[in-house]
C-alpha atoms as a PDB file:
ATOM      1  CA  UNK A   1      -0.166  10.144   6.947  1.00  0.00           C
ATOM      2  CA  UNK A   2       2.966   9.230   9.061  1.00  0.00           C
ATOM      3  CA  UNK A   3       3.514  10.507  12.666  1.00  0.00           C
ATOM      4  CA  UNK A   4       6.450  12.975  13.677  1.00  0.00           C
ATOM      5  CA  UNK A   5       8.949  11.100  16.003  1.00  0.00           C
ATOM      6  CA  UNK A   6      12.070  12.215  17.924  1.00  0.00           C
ATOM      7  CA  UNK A   7      14.296   9.863  16.246  1.00  0.00           C
ATOM      8  CA  UNK A   8      17.901  10.051  17.569  1.00  0.00           C
ATOM      9  CA  UNK A   9      20.910   8.353  16.029  1.00  0.00           C
ATOM     10  CA  UNK A  10      20.717   6.045  19.086  1.00  0.00           C
ATOM     11  CA  UNK A  11      17.765   4.480  17.751  1.00  0.00           C
ATOM     12  CA  UNK A  12      19.038   1.563  15.713  1.00  0.00           C
ATOM     13  CA  UNK A  13      16.840   0.445  12.726  1.00  0.00           C
ATOM     14  CA  UNK A  14      18.459  -2.962  11.919  1.00  0.00           C
ATOM     15  CA  UNK A  15      17.457  -3.419   8.219  1.00  0.00           C
ATOM     16  CA  UNK A  16      17.706  -6.750   6.162  1.00  0.00           C
ATOM     17  CA  UNK A  17      18.715  -4.450   3.155  1.00  0.00           C
ATOM     18  CA  UNK A  18      21.857  -3.517   4.581  1.00  0.00           C
ATOM     19  CA  UNK A  19      23.015  -7.288   4.073  1.00  0.00           C
ATOM     20  CA  UNK A  20      23.061  -7.175   0.348  1.00  0.00           C
ATOM     21  CA  UNK A  21      26.008  -5.123   0.140  1.00  0.00           C
ATOM     22  CA  UNK A  22      28.056  -6.503   3.464  1.00  0.00           C
ATOM     23  CA  UNK A  23      27.313 -10.375   2.861  1.00  0.00           C
ATOM     24  CA  UNK A  24      30.339 -11.016   5.454  1.00  0.00           C
ATOM     25  CA  UNK A  25      28.444  -9.207   8.134  1.00  0.00           C
ATOM     26  CA  UNK A  26      24.794 -10.110   7.598  1.00  0.00           C
ATOM     27  CA  UNK A  27      22.680  -8.004  10.228  1.00  0.00           C
ATOM     28  CA  UNK A  28      20.316 -10.772  10.439  1.00  0.00           C
ATOM     29  CA  UNK A  29      21.971 -14.206  10.443  1.00  0.00           C
ATOM     30  CA  UNK A  30      20.462 -16.744   8.243  1.00  0.00           C
ATOM     31  CA  UNK A  31      21.920 -19.465  10.195  1.00  0.00           C
ATOM     32  CA  UNK A  32      19.831 -19.456  12.979  1.00  0.00           C
ATOM     33  CA  UNK A  33      16.022 -19.945  12.250  1.00  0.00           C
ATOM     34  CA  UNK A  34      15.409 -17.361  15.314  1.00  0.00           C
ATOM     35  CA  UNK A  35      16.610 -14.347  12.955  1.00  0.00           C
ATOM     36  CA  UNK A  36      16.760 -15.834   9.284  1.00  0.00           C
ATOM     37  CA  UNK A  37      13.967 -14.093   7.061  1.00  0.00           C
ATOM     38  CA  UNK A  38      13.755 -10.983   9.202  1.00  0.00           C
ATOM     39  CA  UNK A  39      13.291  -7.814   7.584  1.00  0.00           C
ATOM     40  CA  UNK A  40      13.440  -4.702  10.142  1.00  0.00           C
ATOM     41  CA  UNK A  41      14.024  -4.631  13.817  1.00  0.00           C
ATOM     42  CA  UNK A  42      14.212  -1.328  15.818  1.00  0.00           C
ATOM     43  CA  UNK A  43      16.397  -1.062  19.155  1.00  0.00           C
ATOM     44  CA  UNK A  44      16.404   1.770  21.405  1.00  0.00           C
ATOM     45  CA  UNK A  45      19.704   2.792  23.034  1.00  0.00           C
ATOM     46  CA  UNK A  46      21.194  -0.721  22.981  1.00  0.00           C
ATOM     47  CA  UNK A  47      24.295  -2.030  23.976  1.00  0.00           C
ATOM     48  CA  UNK A  48      26.546  -4.827  22.495  1.00  0.00           C
ATOM     49  CA  UNK A  49      27.943  -8.516  22.964  1.00  0.00           C
ATOM     50  CA  UNK A  50      31.230  -9.830  22.445  1.00  0.00           C
ATOM     51  CA  UNK A  51      32.680 -13.447  22.254  1.00  0.00           C
ATOM     52  CA  UNK A  52      35.491 -13.915  24.674  1.00  0.00           C
ATOM     53  CA  UNK A  53      38.002 -15.864  22.661  1.00  0.00           C
ATOM     54  CA  UNK A  54      38.747 -17.930  26.019  1.00  0.00           C
ATOM     55  CA  UNK A  55      34.996 -19.069  26.003  1.00  0.00           C
ATOM     56  CA  UNK A  56      34.189 -22.711  24.474  1.00  0.00           C
ATOM     57  CA  UNK A  57      30.700 -21.820  24.194  1.00  0.00           C
ATOM     58  CA  UNK A  58      29.028 -21.126  20.718  1.00  0.00           C
ATOM     59  CA  UNK A  59      28.100 -17.699  19.915  1.00  0.00           C
ATOM     60  CA  UNK A  60      26.198 -17.130  17.160  1.00  0.00           C
ATOM     61  CA  UNK A  61      25.115 -13.357  16.637  1.00  0.00           C
ATOM     62  CA  UNK A  62      21.568 -13.021  15.521  1.00  0.00           C
ATOM     63  CA  UNK A  63      21.228  -9.277  15.304  1.00  0.00           C
ATOM     64  CA  UNK A  64      24.196  -6.857  14.079  1.00  0.00           C
ATOM     65  CA  UNK A  65      24.933  -3.319  12.913  1.00  0.00           C
ATOM     66  CA  UNK A  66      26.805  -2.176  10.259  1.00  0.00           C
ATOM     67  CA  UNK A  67      30.250  -0.222  10.270  1.00  0.00           C
ATOM     68  CA  UNK A  68      28.642   3.188  10.354  1.00  0.00           C
ATOM     69  CA  UNK A  69      28.716   3.333  14.000  1.00  0.00           C
ATOM     70  CA  UNK A  70      29.748   5.246  17.431  1.00  0.00           C
ATOM     71  CA  UNK A  71      29.625   4.855  21.037  1.00  0.00           C
ATOM     72  CA  UNK A  72      28.037   7.160  23.551  1.00  0.00           C
ATOM     73  CA  UNK A  73      28.959   7.016  27.286  1.00  0.00           C
ATOM     74  CA  UNK A  74      25.615   6.205  29.462  1.00  0.00           C
ATOM     75  CA  UNK A  75      26.870   9.467  31.524  1.00  0.00           C
ATOM     76  CA  UNK A  76      26.400  11.811  28.199  1.00  0.00           C
ATOM     77  CA  UNK A  77      23.030  10.603  27.239  1.00  0.00           C
ATOM     78  CA  UNK A  78      21.355  11.961  30.596  1.00  0.00           C
ATOM     79  CA  UNK A  79      21.552  15.788  31.322  1.00  0.00           C
ATOM     80  CA  UNK A  80      21.729  17.211  34.874  1.00  0.00           C
ATOM     81  CA  UNK A  81      19.135  18.881  36.894  1.00  0.00           C
ATOM     82  CA  UNK A  82      20.088  21.476  38.630  1.00  0.00           C
ATOM     83  CA  UNK A  83      17.229  20.896  41.409  1.00  0.00           C
ATOM     84  CA  UNK A  84      18.229  17.209  41.951  1.00  0.00           C
ATOM     85  CA  UNK A  85      16.623  14.084  40.969  1.00  0.00           C
ATOM     86  CA  UNK A  86      17.112  12.315  37.466  1.00  0.00           C
ATOM     87  CA  UNK A  87      17.560  14.389  34.361  1.00  0.00           C
ATOM     88  CA  UNK A  88      16.241  14.039  31.154  1.00  0.00           C
ATOM     89  CA  UNK A  89      18.194  12.645  27.774  1.00  0.00           C
ATOM     90  CA  UNK A  90      20.724  14.602  26.315  1.00  0.00           C
ATOM     91  CA  UNK A  91      19.225  15.281  22.571  1.00  0.00           C
ATOM     92  CA  UNK A  92      23.091  15.838  21.696  1.00  0.00           C
ATOM     93  CA  UNK A  93      25.569  13.476  23.482  1.00  0.00           C
ATOM     94  CA  UNK A  94      28.791  13.096  22.642  1.00  0.00           C
ATOM     95  CA  UNK A  95      29.350  10.556  20.019  1.00  0.00           C
ATOM     96  CA  UNK A  96      32.898   8.692  19.327  1.00  0.00           C
ATOM     97  CA  UNK A  97      32.961   7.262  15.984  1.00  0.00           C
ATOM     98  CA  UNK A  98      34.072   3.638  15.927  1.00  0.00           C
ATOM     99  CA  UNK A  99      33.374   2.364  12.566  1.00  0.00           C
ATOM    100  CA  UNK A 100      32.965  -1.266  13.886  1.00  0.00           C
ATOM    101  CA  UNK A 101      30.465  -3.898  13.675  1.00  0.00           C
ATOM    102  CA  UNK A 102      28.433  -4.721  16.911  1.00  0.00           C
ATOM    103  CA  UNK A 103      26.294  -7.500  17.837  1.00  0.00           C
ATOM    104  CA  UNK A 104      23.177  -6.670  19.464  1.00  0.00           C
ATOM    105  CA  UNK A 105      21.714 -10.164  20.078  1.00  0.00           C
ATOM    106  CA  UNK A 106      23.364 -13.575  20.243  1.00  0.00           C
ATOM    107  CA  UNK A 107      22.450 -17.367  20.606  1.00  0.00           C
ATOM    108  CA  UNK A 108      24.709 -18.804  23.047  1.00  0.00           C
ATOM    109  CA  UNK A 109      24.881 -22.620  23.529  1.00  0.00           C
ATOM    110  CA  UNK A 110      27.499 -25.480  25.259  1.00  0.00           C
ATOM    111  CA  UNK A 111      28.456 -26.676  28.034  1.00  0.00           C
ATOM    112  CA  UNK A 112      29.468 -24.590  31.369  1.00  0.00           C
ATOM    113  CA  UNK A 113      32.793 -23.874  32.122  1.00  0.00           C
ATOM    114  CA  UNK A 114      34.196 -25.873  34.644  1.00  0.00           C
ATOM    115  CA  UNK A 115      33.522 -23.586  37.819  1.00  0.00           C
ATOM    116  CA  UNK A 116      30.264 -23.262  36.925  1.00  0.00           C
ATOM    117  CA  UNK A 117      29.717 -26.937  36.089  1.00  0.00           C
ATOM    118  CA  UNK A 118      30.937 -28.021  39.613  1.00  0.00           C
ATOM    119  CA  UNK A 119      28.322 -25.585  41.016  1.00  0.00           C
ATOM    120  CA  UNK A 120      25.824 -27.034  38.988  1.00  0.00           C
ATOM    121  CA  UNK A 121      26.805 -30.454  39.556  1.00  0.00           C
ATOM    122  CA  UNK A 122      26.371 -30.020  43.263  1.00  0.00           C
ATOM    123  CA  UNK A 123      22.884 -28.574  43.176  1.00  0.00           C
ATOM    124  CA  UNK A 124      22.080 -31.621  40.887  1.00  0.00           C
ATOM    125  CA  UNK A 125      23.516 -33.973  43.075  1.00  0.00           C
ATOM    126  CA  UNK A 126      21.361 -32.319  45.721  1.00  0.00           C
ATOM    127  CA  UNK A 127      18.152 -32.736  43.279  1.00  0.00           C
ATOM    128  CA  UNK A 128      19.047 -36.168  42.524  1.00  0.00           C
ATOM    129  CA  UNK A 129      19.007 -37.333  46.385  1.00  0.00           C
ATOM    130  CA  UNK A 130      15.693 -35.446  46.443  1.00  0.00           C
ATOM    131  CA  UNK A 131      13.721 -37.036  43.562  1.00  0.00           C
ATOM    132  CA  UNK A 132      16.112 -39.464  41.790  1.00  0.00           C
ATOM    133  CA  UNK A 133      16.277 -37.655  38.668  1.00  0.00           C
ATOM    134  CA  UNK A 134      19.610 -38.979  37.229  1.00  0.00           C
ATOM    135  CA  UNK A 135      19.292 -36.897  34.030  1.00  0.00           C
ATOM    136  CA  UNK A 136      19.236 -33.487  35.788  1.00  0.00           C
ATOM    137  CA  UNK A 137      23.016 -33.363  36.496  1.00  0.00           C
ATOM    138  CA  UNK A 138      23.399 -33.782  32.738  1.00  0.00           C
ATOM    139  CA  UNK A 139      20.828 -31.250  31.524  1.00  0.00           C
ATOM    140  CA  UNK A 140      21.821 -28.482  34.098  1.00  0.00           C
ATOM    141  CA  UNK A 141      25.525 -28.600  32.541  1.00  0.00           C
ATOM    142  CA  UNK A 142      24.085 -27.298  29.273  1.00  0.00           C
ATOM    143  CA  UNK A 143      23.243 -23.752  28.335  1.00  0.00           C
ATOM    144  CA  UNK A 144      20.927 -22.882  25.416  1.00  0.00           C
ATOM    145  CA  UNK A 145      20.317 -18.985  25.909  1.00  0.00           C
ATOM    146  CA  UNK A 146      19.441 -16.004  23.603  1.00  0.00           C
ATOM    147  CA  UNK A 147      21.229 -12.687  24.786  1.00  0.00           C
ATOM    148  CA  UNK A 148      19.682  -9.265  23.945  1.00  0.00           C
ATOM    149  CA  UNK A 149      21.581  -5.907  24.417  1.00  0.00           C
ATOM    150  CA  UNK A 150      18.301  -3.872  24.876  1.00  0.00           C
ATOM    151  CA  UNK A 151      15.499  -4.734  26.945  1.00  0.00           C
ATOM    152  CA  UNK A 152      13.387  -1.945  25.010  1.00  0.00           C
ATOM    153  CA  UNK A 153      13.364  -4.734  22.239  1.00  0.00           C
ATOM    154  CA  UNK A 154      10.251  -5.683  24.224  1.00  0.00           C
ATOM    155  CA  UNK A 155       8.730  -2.016  24.399  1.00  0.00           C
ATOM    156  CA  UNK A 156       5.125  -2.356  24.536  1.00  0.00           C
ATOM    157  CA  UNK A 157       4.221   0.107  21.947  1.00  0.00           C
ATOM    158  CA  UNK A 158       5.812  -2.374  19.749  1.00  0.00           C
ATOM    159  CA  UNK A 159       3.007  -4.559  20.321  1.00  0.00           C
ATOM    160  CA  UNK A 160       0.425  -1.814  19.368  1.00  0.00           C
ATOM    161  CA  UNK A 161       2.393  -1.067  16.121  1.00  0.00           C
ATOM    162  CA  UNK A 162       2.057  -4.783  15.272  1.00  0.00           C
ATOM    163  CA  UNK A 163      -1.845  -4.406  16.032  1.00  0.00           C
ATOM    164  CA  UNK A 164      -2.024  -1.479  13.671  1.00  0.00           C
ATOM    165  CA  UNK A 165      -0.091  -2.825  10.809  1.00  0.00           C
ATOM    166  CA  UNK A 166      -2.907  -3.854   8.857  1.00  0.00           C
ATOM    167  CA  UNK A 167      -4.977  -0.671   9.490  1.00  0.00           C
ATOM    168  CA  UNK A 168      -5.022   1.627   6.593  1.00  0.00           C
ATOM    169  CA  UNK A 169      -5.646   4.611   8.542  1.00  0.00           C
ATOM    170  CA  UNK A 170      -2.395   4.196  10.796  1.00  0.00           C
ATOM    171  CA  UNK A 171      -0.804   7.276  11.761  1.00  0.00           C
ATOM    172  CA  UNK A 172       2.711   5.748  11.899  1.00  0.00           C
ATOM    173  CA  UNK A 173       3.521   3.265   9.174  1.00  0.00           C
ATOM    174  CA  UNK A 174       6.328   0.994  11.039  1.00  0.00           C
ATOM    175  CA  UNK A 175       6.420  -2.591   9.780  1.00  0.00           C
ATOM    176  CA  UNK A 176       8.955  -3.871  12.440  1.00  0.00           C
ATOM    177  CA  UNK A 177       9.821  -7.327  13.553  1.00  0.00           C
ATOM    178  CA  UNK A 178      10.382  -6.965  17.278  1.00  0.00           C
ATOM    179  CA  UNK A 179       7.457  -8.916  18.240  1.00  0.00           C
ATOM    180  CA  UNK A 180       8.211 -11.677  15.526  1.00  0.00           C
ATOM    181  CA  UNK A 181      11.752 -11.990  16.946  1.00  0.00           C
ATOM    182  CA  UNK A 182      10.813 -12.098  20.586  1.00  0.00           C
ATOM    183  CA  UNK A 183       8.339 -15.047  19.796  1.00  0.00           C
ATOM    184  CA  UNK A 184      10.948 -16.985  17.845  1.00  0.00           C
ATOM    185  CA  UNK A 185      13.312 -16.650  20.823  1.00  0.00           C
ATOM    186  CA  UNK A 186      10.738 -18.042  22.988  1.00  0.00           C
ATOM    187  CA  UNK A 187       9.473 -20.803  20.672  1.00  0.00           C
ATOM    188  CA  UNK A 188      13.103 -21.663  19.798  1.00  0.00           C
ATOM    189  CA  UNK A 189      14.045 -22.002  23.406  1.00  0.00           C
ATOM    190  CA  UNK A 190      11.254 -24.006  24.399  1.00  0.00           C
ATOM    191  CA  UNK A 191      11.971 -26.269  21.480  1.00  0.00           C
ATOM    192  CA  UNK A 192       8.684 -25.536  19.697  1.00  0.00           C
ATOM    193  CA  UNK A 193       9.513 -24.336  15.857  1.00  0.00           C
ATOM    194  CA  UNK A 194       6.272 -25.288  14.410  1.00  0.00           C
ATOM    195  CA  UNK A 195       5.427 -21.266  14.224  1.00  0.00           C
ATOM    196  CA  UNK A 196       8.506 -19.792  13.455  1.00  0.00           C
ATOM    197  CA  UNK A 197       8.546 -19.866   9.668  1.00  0.00           C
ATOM    198  CA  UNK A 198       4.937 -18.846   9.448  1.00  0.00           C
ATOM    199  CA  UNK A 199       5.549 -15.754  11.524  1.00  0.00           C
ATOM    200  CA  UNK A 200       8.252 -14.530   8.755  1.00  0.00           C
ATOM    201  CA  UNK A 201       5.829 -14.195   6.183  1.00  0.00           C
ATOM    202  CA  UNK A 202       4.546 -10.722   5.035  1.00  0.00           C
ATOM    203  CA  UNK A 203       1.770  -9.494   3.058  1.00  0.00           C
ATOM    204  CA  UNK A 204       2.723  -7.969  -0.105  1.00  0.00           C
ATOM    205  CA  UNK A 205       1.405  -4.466  -1.004  1.00  0.00           C
ATOM    206  CA  UNK A 206       1.283  -4.438  -4.767  1.00  0.00           C
ATOM    207  CA  UNK A 207       1.077  -1.149  -6.420  1.00  0.00           C
ATOM    208  CA  UNK A 208      -0.340  -0.783 -10.140  1.00  0.00           C
ATOM    209  CA  UNK A 209       3.224   0.254 -11.458  1.00  0.00           C
ATOM    210  CA  UNK A 210       1.501   1.623 -14.881  1.00  0.00           C
ATOM    211  CA  UNK A 211      -0.959   3.910 -12.605  1.00  0.00           C
ATOM    212  CA  UNK A 212       2.363   4.934 -10.603  1.00  0.00           C
ATOM    213  CA  UNK A 213       4.619   5.944 -13.716  1.00  0.00           C
ATOM    214  CA  UNK A 214       1.606   7.835 -15.231  1.00  0.00           C
ATOM    215  CA  UNK A 215       1.019   9.824 -12.108  1.00  0.00           C
ATOM    216  CA  UNK A 216       5.006  10.055 -11.299  1.00  0.00           C
ATOM    217  CA  UNK A 217       5.211  13.292 -12.859  1.00  0.00           C
ATOM    218  CA  UNK A 218       2.302  14.846 -11.281  1.00  0.00           C
ATOM    219  CA  UNK A 219       3.198  13.735  -7.658  1.00  0.00           C
ATOM    220  CA  UNK A 220       7.017  15.478  -8.344  1.00  0.00           C
ATOM    221  CA  UNK A 221       5.192  18.446  -9.628  1.00  0.00           C
ATOM    222  CA  UNK A 222       3.000  18.704  -6.913  1.00  0.00           C
ATOM    223  CA  UNK A 223       5.976  18.516  -4.265  1.00  0.00           C
ATOM    224  CA  UNK A 224       7.446  20.953  -6.078  1.00  0.00           C
ATOM    225  CA  UNK A 225       4.950  23.490  -5.888  1.00  0.00           C
ATOM    226  CA  UNK A 226       4.413  22.491  -2.143  1.00  0.00           C
ATOM    227  CA  UNK A 227       7.938  23.558  -1.608  1.00  0.00           C
ATOM    228  CA  UNK A 228       7.679  26.875  -3.453  1.00  0.00           C
ATOM    229  CA  UNK A 229       4.664  28.076  -1.502  1.00  0.00           C
ATOM    230  CA  UNK A 230       6.302  27.152   1.638  1.00  0.00           C
ATOM    231  CA  UNK A 231       9.064  29.048   0.707  1.00  0.00           C
ATOM    232  CA  UNK A 232       6.821  32.196  -0.285  1.00  0.00           C
ATOM    233  CA  UNK A 233       5.366  32.043   2.985  1.00  0.00           C
ATOM    234  CA  UNK A 234       8.626  31.936   4.831  1.00  0.00           C
ATOM    235  CA  UNK A 235      10.036  34.984   2.472  1.00  0.00           C
ATOM    236  CA  UNK A 236       6.868  36.728   3.303  1.00  0.00           C
ATOM    237  CA  UNK A 237       7.084  36.431   7.079  1.00  0.00           C
ATOM    238  CA  UNK A 238      10.865  37.530   6.962  1.00  0.00           C
ATOM    239  CA  UNK A 239      10.127  40.559   4.884  1.00  0.00           C
ATOM    240  CA  UNK A 240       7.250  41.645   7.794  1.00  0.00           C
ATOM    241  CA  UNK A 241       9.563  41.021  10.150  1.00  0.00           C
ATOM    242  CA  UNK A 242      12.449  43.003   8.633  1.00  0.00           C
ATOM    243  CA  UNK A 243       9.649  45.609   8.095  1.00  0.00           C
ATOM    244  CA  UNK A 244       9.038  45.569  11.850  1.00  0.00           C
ATOM    245  CA  UNK A 245      12.659  45.545  12.658  1.00  0.00           C
ATOM    246  CA  UNK A 246      13.193  48.666  10.803  1.00  0.00           C
ATOM    247  CA  UNK A 247      10.665  50.886  12.391  1.00  0.00           C
ATOM    248  CA  UNK A 248      11.622  50.120  15.486  1.00  0.00           C
ATOM    249  CA  UNK A 249      15.387  51.263  14.727  1.00  0.00           C
ATOM    250  CA  UNK A 250      14.289  54.331  13.229  1.00  0.00           C
ATOM    251  CA  UNK A 251      12.253  55.021  16.553  1.00  0.00           C
ATOM    252  CA  UNK A 252      15.215  54.271  18.593  1.00  0.00           C
ATOM    253  CA  UNK A 253      17.127  56.566  16.441  1.00  0.00           C
ATOM    254  CA  UNK A 254      14.829  59.298  16.908  1.00  0.00           C
ATOM    255  CA  UNK A 255      14.110  58.656  20.419  1.00  0.00           C
ATOM    256  CA  UNK A 256      17.514  60.689  21.159  1.00  0.00           C
ATOM    257  CA  UNK A 257      15.251  63.527  21.696  1.00  0.00           C
ATOM    258  CA  UNK A 258      12.973  62.168  23.873  1.00  0.00           C
ATOM    259  CA  UNK A 259      13.031  61.023  27.745  1.00  0.00           C
ATOM    260  CA  UNK A 260      13.307  57.369  28.240  1.00  0.00           C
ATOM    261  CA  UNK A 261       9.780  56.730  29.807  1.00  0.00           C
ATOM    262  CA  UNK A 262       8.399  58.155  26.469  1.00  0.00           C
ATOM    263  CA  UNK A 263      11.031  56.308  23.925  1.00  0.00           C
ATOM    264  CA  UNK A 264       9.978  52.664  26.118  1.00  0.00           C
ATOM    265  CA  UNK A 265       6.327  53.640  25.887  1.00  0.00           C
ATOM    266  CA  UNK A 266       6.636  54.557  22.091  1.00  0.00           C
ATOM    267  CA  UNK A 267       8.780  51.283  21.623  1.00  0.00           C
ATOM    268  CA  UNK A 268       6.333  48.945  23.400  1.00  0.00           C
ATOM    269  CA  UNK A 269       3.313  50.191  21.231  1.00  0.00           C
ATOM    270  CA  UNK A 270       5.116  49.848  18.336  1.00  0.00           C
ATOM    271  CA  UNK A 271       6.360  46.456  18.890  1.00  0.00           C
ATOM    272  CA  UNK A 272       2.819  45.334  19.996  1.00  0.00           C
ATOM    273  CA  UNK A 273       1.402  46.637  16.965  1.00  0.00           C
ATOM    274  CA  UNK A 274       3.893  45.574  14.488  1.00  0.00           C
ATOM    275  CA  UNK A 275       3.609  41.914  16.368  1.00  0.00           C
ATOM    276  CA  UNK A 276      -0.185  42.082  15.946  1.00  0.00           C
ATOM    277  CA  UNK A 277       0.216  42.970  12.242  1.00  0.00           C
ATOM    278  CA  UNK A 278       2.931  40.276  11.832  1.00  0.00           C
ATOM    279  CA  UNK A 279       0.877  37.665  13.411  1.00  0.00           C
ATOM    280  CA  UNK A 280      -2.286  38.626  11.439  1.00  0.00           C
ATOM    281  CA  UNK A 281      -0.124  38.454   8.424  1.00  0.00           C
ATOM    282  CA  UNK A 282       1.546  35.094   9.214  1.00  0.00           C
ATOM    283  CA  UNK A 283      -2.336  33.745   9.873  1.00  0.00           C
ATOM    284  CA  UNK A 284      -3.383  34.794   6.435  1.00  0.00           C
ATOM    285  CA  UNK A 285      -0.277  33.490   4.745  1.00  0.00           C
ATOM    286  CA  UNK A 286      -0.680  30.231   6.447  1.00  0.00           C
ATOM    287  CA  UNK A 287      -4.410  30.063   5.499  1.00  0.00           C
ATOM    288  CA  UNK A 288      -3.473  30.713   1.555  1.00  0.00           C
ATOM    289  CA  UNK A 289      -0.725  27.911   1.980  1.00  0.00           C
ATOM    290  CA  UNK A 290      -3.041  25.212   3.440  1.00  0.00           C
ATOM    291  CA  UNK A 291      -5.645  26.477   0.515  1.00  0.00           C
ATOM    292  CA  UNK A 292      -3.207  26.119  -2.282  1.00  0.00           C
ATOM    293  CA  UNK A 293      -1.913  22.792  -0.630  1.00  0.00           C
ATOM    294  CA  UNK A 294      -5.283  21.279  -0.493  1.00  0.00           C
ATOM    295  CA  UNK A 295      -6.284  22.363  -4.038  1.00  0.00           C
ATOM    296  CA  UNK A 296      -2.796  20.899  -5.068  1.00  0.00           C
ATOM    297  CA  UNK A 297      -3.562  17.403  -3.160  1.00  0.00           C
ATOM    298  CA  UNK A 298      -6.914  17.618  -4.768  1.00  0.00           C
ATOM    299  CA  UNK A 299      -5.798  18.098  -8.336  1.00  0.00           C
ATOM    300  CA  UNK A 300      -3.286  15.500  -7.854  1.00  0.00           C
ATOM    301  CA  UNK A 301      -5.878  13.020  -6.687  1.00  0.00           C
ATOM    302  CA  UNK A 302      -8.317  13.756  -9.348  1.00  0.00           C
ATOM    303  CA  UNK A 303      -5.680  12.889 -11.855  1.00  0.00           C
ATOM    304  CA  UNK A 304      -4.737   9.749 -10.177  1.00  0.00           C
ATOM    305  CA  UNK A 305      -8.599   8.927  -9.995  1.00  0.00           C
ATOM    306  CA  UNK A 306      -8.527   9.935 -13.888  1.00  0.00           C
ATOM    307  CA  UNK A 307      -6.116   7.533 -14.572  1.00  0.00           C
ATOM    308  CA  UNK A 308      -7.712   4.400 -12.599  1.00  0.00           C
ATOM    309  CA  UNK A 309     -10.600   5.149 -14.269  1.00  0.00           C
ATOM    310  CA  UNK A 310      -9.139   5.182 -17.712  1.00  0.00           C
ATOM    311  CA  UNK A 311      -7.775   1.752 -16.877  1.00  0.00           C
ATOM    312  CA  UNK A 312     -11.018   0.521 -15.387  1.00  0.00           C
ATOM    313  CA  UNK A 313     -13.034   1.337 -18.640  1.00  0.00           C
ATOM    314  CA  UNK A 314     -10.599  -0.638 -20.621  1.00  0.00           C
ATOM    315  CA  UNK A 315     -10.686  -3.584 -17.812  1.00  0.00           C
ATOM    316  CA  UNK A 316     -14.427  -3.728 -18.535  1.00  0.00           C
ATOM    317  CA  UNK A 317     -14.370  -2.996 -22.274  1.00  0.00           C
ATOM    318  CA  UNK A 318     -11.649  -5.192 -23.631  1.00  0.00           C
ATOM    319  CA  UNK A 319     -12.315  -8.528 -22.068  1.00  0.00           C
ATOM    320  CA  UNK A 320     -15.957  -9.120 -23.563  1.00  0.00           C
ATOM    321  CA  UNK A 321     -14.404  -8.228 -27.069  1.00  0.00           C
ATOM    322  CA  UNK A 322     -12.654 -11.827 -27.874  1.00  0.00           C
ATOM    323  CA  UNK A 323     -15.501 -13.968 -26.477  1.00  0.00           C
ATOM    324  CA  UNK A 324     -17.857 -11.729 -28.986  1.00  0.00           C
ATOM    325  CA  UNK A 325     -15.301 -12.189 -31.917  1.00  0.00           C
ATOM    326  CA  UNK A 326     -15.550 -16.114 -31.083  1.00  0.00           C
ATOM    327  CA  UNK A 327     -19.024 -16.258 -30.708  1.00  0.00           C
ATOM    328  CA  UNK A 328     -19.612 -14.036 -33.917  1.00  0.00           C
ATOM    329  CA  UNK A 329     -17.123 -16.761 -35.781  1.00  0.00           C
ATOM    330  CA  UNK A 330     -18.971 -19.529 -34.484  1.00  0.00           C
ATOM    331  CA  UNK A 331     -22.329 -18.147 -35.549  1.00  0.00           C
ATOM    332  CA  UNK A 332     -21.575 -17.460 -38.865  1.00  0.00           C
ATOM    333  CA  UNK A 333     -19.544 -20.873 -39.473  1.00  0.00           C
ATOM    334  CA  UNK A 334     -22.605 -22.701 -38.367  1.00  0.00           C
ATOM    335  CA  UNK A 335     -24.993 -20.781 -40.470  1.00  0.00           C
ATOM    336  CA  UNK A 336     -22.503 -21.286 -43.469  1.00  0.00           C
ATOM    337  CA  UNK A 337     -22.506 -24.971 -42.834  1.00  0.00           C
ATOM    338  CA  UNK A 338     -26.467 -25.173 -42.070  1.00  0.00           C
ATOM    339  CA  UNK A 339     -26.853 -23.716 -45.928  1.00  0.00           C
ATOM    340  CA  UNK A 340     -24.550 -26.327 -47.516  1.00  0.00           C
ATOM    341  CA  UNK A 341     -26.457 -28.541 -49.361  1.00  0.00           C
ATOM    342  CA  UNK A 342     -29.813 -26.712 -49.358  1.00  0.00           C
ATOM    343  CA  UNK A 343     -31.626 -25.877 -52.706  1.00  0.00           C
ATOM    344  CA  UNK A 344     -31.682 -21.974 -53.394  1.00  0.00           C
ATOM    345  CA  UNK A 345     -35.427 -22.236 -53.718  1.00  0.00           C
ATOM    346  CA  UNK A 346     -35.844 -23.513 -50.144  1.00  0.00           C
ATOM    347  CA  UNK A 347     -33.757 -20.389 -48.892  1.00  0.00           C
ATOM    348  CA  UNK A 348     -35.347 -17.345 -47.774  1.00  0.00           C
END
């Protein structure tokens, strides 16, 4: 089961599979242990980072987008509230296609620029006078930081997704590496890399390929039949609505000989009765659709179960056959050797 989400183009799904076609712009940097080996990260309404050519600091992109991108102004993301206060999110903001690659997270290391280094040196001297730490000045001129252009990367819902990832009855099947990425950042900056490689390991769910292939046609047929039944429901509903509209139109044409009040009363009665019939028809058709869909799914599950039972039966029957044949061979071979050299009169 998969829950429905109001996903918008501003939700950025960074998927490792996208790097296979564009090796020059990997979405996850394989050079840095923080991001190497990750598979999918979700960012909501993210910004971007750029490396200034004038900077001497090392700028290692950790997360990048592909080139099917666009930009959205912050002012276009919100709708105006006529009564004041903050408005809601605009579901269809103006998007400007750019086709550029964007860096969403980066690992920045190096020494501070001269101005920053001078300020830091003064602070270090004051600290050195206070506690006599001569190494503090050197340490404070070094930068080791990870910058992410989206604070929603640490959204609490991602922690819930991680907790539910092993639940077979979960409503939303999202296997994201947001929390893994976050913990990797914290460990890397703290200088503790013991768990970084361990976190990247994932349980691989292996399907029974032969059974999947056997039931593939049945699944396709079931989905096709579902679509046909839903189409029938839509057509029947549209037909009932057209019939109601036709009756209302005919009454309006005949209403030229009636006064306005009488015409309005008849129209209201006709529309009320027509809507009641239409709602009843919709409920009946929806009920029929649900029953047919349930039957289709039940038949599909039965076919899958039959295929599974068939393979389970052979899995039980076949393994003992070879040991039994070997045992019979050993038995008759030993009997033959036992009879060798024995007088025929002594054999029973």
